[in-house]
N, C-alpha and C. Protein backbone atom coordinates (compact mmCIF):
# COMPACT_ATOMS: atom_id res chain seq x y z
N MET A 1 -90.78 -68.93 50.29
CA MET A 1 -91.13 -68.02 49.20
C MET A 1 -92.60 -68.24 48.84
N VAL A 2 -93.29 -67.16 48.61
CA VAL A 2 -94.70 -67.23 48.21
C VAL A 2 -94.77 -67.36 46.70
N LEU A 3 -95.57 -68.27 46.21
CA LEU A 3 -95.81 -68.48 44.77
C LEU A 3 -94.51 -68.56 43.97
N PRO A 4 -93.66 -69.54 44.26
CA PRO A 4 -92.35 -69.62 43.59
C PRO A 4 -92.44 -69.73 42.07
N SER A 5 -93.51 -70.31 41.55
CA SER A 5 -93.61 -70.44 40.10
C SER A 5 -93.74 -69.07 39.42
N LEU A 6 -94.24 -68.07 40.11
CA LEU A 6 -94.34 -66.73 39.53
C LEU A 6 -92.96 -66.12 39.28
N TYR A 7 -92.01 -66.44 40.14
CA TYR A 7 -90.67 -65.90 39.98
C TYR A 7 -89.99 -66.48 38.74
N LYS A 8 -90.33 -67.70 38.39
CA LYS A 8 -89.73 -68.36 37.23
C LYS A 8 -90.39 -67.94 35.93
N SER A 9 -91.63 -67.48 36.02
CA SER A 9 -92.40 -67.12 34.85
C SER A 9 -91.97 -65.77 34.30
N GLN A 10 -91.92 -65.65 32.99
CA GLN A 10 -91.62 -64.38 32.34
C GLN A 10 -92.90 -63.62 31.98
N ILE A 11 -94.03 -64.27 32.19
CA ILE A 11 -95.32 -63.65 31.87
C ILE A 11 -95.78 -62.85 33.08
N PRO A 12 -96.04 -61.54 32.90
CA PRO A 12 -96.51 -60.76 34.04
C PRO A 12 -97.90 -61.21 34.49
N ILE A 13 -98.04 -61.39 35.77
CA ILE A 13 -99.31 -61.81 36.32
C ILE A 13 -99.73 -60.77 37.35
N PRO A 14 -100.78 -60.00 37.06
CA PRO A 14 -101.23 -59.00 38.03
C PRO A 14 -101.84 -59.64 39.27
N VAL A 15 -101.63 -59.02 40.39
CA VAL A 15 -102.18 -59.49 41.65
C VAL A 15 -103.01 -58.35 42.23
N SER A 16 -104.23 -58.66 42.62
CA SER A 16 -105.11 -57.66 43.23
C SER A 16 -105.62 -58.20 44.56
N PHE A 17 -105.80 -57.30 45.49
CA PHE A 17 -106.41 -57.64 46.76
C PHE A 17 -107.80 -57.02 46.78
N ILE A 18 -108.81 -57.85 46.90
CA ILE A 18 -110.19 -57.37 46.91
C ILE A 18 -110.79 -57.82 48.23
N TYR A 19 -111.35 -56.87 48.95
CA TYR A 19 -111.96 -57.18 50.23
C TYR A 19 -113.12 -56.22 50.46
N PRO A 20 -114.08 -56.62 51.29
CA PRO A 20 -115.22 -55.74 51.53
C PRO A 20 -114.79 -54.46 52.24
N GLU A 21 -115.39 -53.35 51.83
CA GLU A 21 -115.06 -52.08 52.46
C GLU A 21 -115.57 -52.07 53.89
N ARG A 22 -114.70 -51.69 54.77
CA ARG A 22 -115.05 -51.59 56.19
C ARG A 22 -114.37 -50.36 56.75
N ASP A 23 -114.80 -49.95 57.93
CA ASP A 23 -114.14 -48.82 58.57
C ASP A 23 -112.68 -49.16 58.89
N LEU A 24 -112.48 -50.35 59.41
CA LEU A 24 -111.13 -50.79 59.76
C LEU A 24 -110.84 -52.12 59.07
N MET A 25 -109.67 -52.23 58.49
CA MET A 25 -109.25 -53.47 57.84
C MET A 25 -108.81 -54.45 58.94
N PRO A 26 -109.22 -55.71 58.86
CA PRO A 26 -108.77 -56.69 59.85
C PRO A 26 -107.24 -56.80 59.87
N ARG A 27 -106.67 -56.97 61.05
CA ARG A 27 -105.21 -57.04 61.19
C ARG A 27 -104.62 -58.19 60.39
N ARG A 28 -105.30 -59.31 60.34
CA ARG A 28 -104.78 -60.46 59.58
C ARG A 28 -104.68 -60.13 58.10
N LEU A 29 -105.68 -59.44 57.57
CA LEU A 29 -105.65 -59.06 56.16
C LEU A 29 -104.52 -58.07 55.90
N ARG A 30 -104.36 -57.07 56.75
CA ARG A 30 -103.28 -56.09 56.60
C ARG A 30 -101.92 -56.78 56.66
N ALA A 31 -101.77 -57.74 57.58
CA ALA A 31 -100.51 -58.47 57.71
C ALA A 31 -100.23 -59.28 56.44
N PHE A 32 -101.25 -59.91 55.88
CA PHE A 32 -101.07 -60.69 54.66
C PHE A 32 -100.68 -59.79 53.49
N ILE A 33 -101.35 -58.66 53.34
CA ILE A 33 -101.02 -57.72 52.26
C ILE A 33 -99.59 -57.22 52.41
N ASP A 34 -99.21 -56.83 53.61
CA ASP A 34 -97.84 -56.35 53.85
C ASP A 34 -96.80 -57.43 53.55
N PHE A 35 -97.08 -58.66 53.96
CA PHE A 35 -96.17 -59.77 53.71
C PHE A 35 -96.03 -60.02 52.21
N THR A 36 -97.14 -60.02 51.50
CA THR A 36 -97.11 -60.28 50.06
C THR A 36 -96.36 -59.18 49.32
N ILE A 37 -96.59 -57.94 49.67
CA ILE A 37 -95.88 -56.83 49.04
C ILE A 37 -94.38 -56.96 49.28
N ALA A 38 -93.99 -57.33 50.49
CA ALA A 38 -92.57 -57.52 50.79
C ALA A 38 -91.95 -58.61 49.93
N GLN A 39 -92.70 -59.68 49.67
CA GLN A 39 -92.19 -60.78 48.86
C GLN A 39 -91.95 -60.36 47.41
N PHE A 40 -92.76 -59.44 46.91
CA PHE A 40 -92.67 -59.01 45.52
C PHE A 40 -92.02 -57.64 45.36
N GLN A 41 -91.41 -57.12 46.41
CA GLN A 41 -90.89 -55.75 46.38
C GLN A 41 -89.89 -55.52 45.25
N ASP A 42 -88.99 -56.44 44.99
CA ASP A 42 -88.01 -56.27 43.90
C ASP A 42 -88.72 -56.13 42.55
N GLU A 43 -89.70 -56.97 42.31
CA GLU A 43 -90.44 -56.91 41.05
C GLU A 43 -91.25 -55.61 40.95
N ILE A 44 -91.83 -55.19 42.04
CA ILE A 44 -92.59 -53.94 42.05
C ILE A 44 -91.68 -52.77 41.68
N GLN A 45 -90.50 -52.70 42.29
CA GLN A 45 -89.56 -51.60 42.00
C GLN A 45 -89.07 -51.66 40.56
N ARG A 46 -88.80 -52.86 40.06
CA ARG A 46 -88.34 -53.00 38.68
C ARG A 46 -89.38 -52.48 37.69
N ARG A 47 -90.64 -52.81 37.95
CA ARG A 47 -91.70 -52.36 37.04
C ARG A 47 -91.94 -50.86 37.13
N LYS A 48 -91.75 -50.27 38.30
CA LYS A 48 -91.91 -48.82 38.44
C LYS A 48 -90.84 -48.07 37.65
N LYS A 49 -89.64 -48.65 37.58
CA LYS A 49 -88.54 -47.99 36.88
C LYS A 49 -88.69 -48.09 35.36
N GLY A 50 -89.47 -49.05 34.93
CA GLY A 50 -89.72 -49.01 33.54
C GLY A 50 -89.65 -50.13 32.68
């Protein structure tokens, strides 16, 4: 699990991905972003619902 202490916390902690603008995003960065989003998918959906 990524950042397990965040799951225990009741305080919302925003996460942002900041990277230099390029024509193509490096594959490693895209893989990391996709992996991180998958780890937080339940929380993302819960917040979208309200």
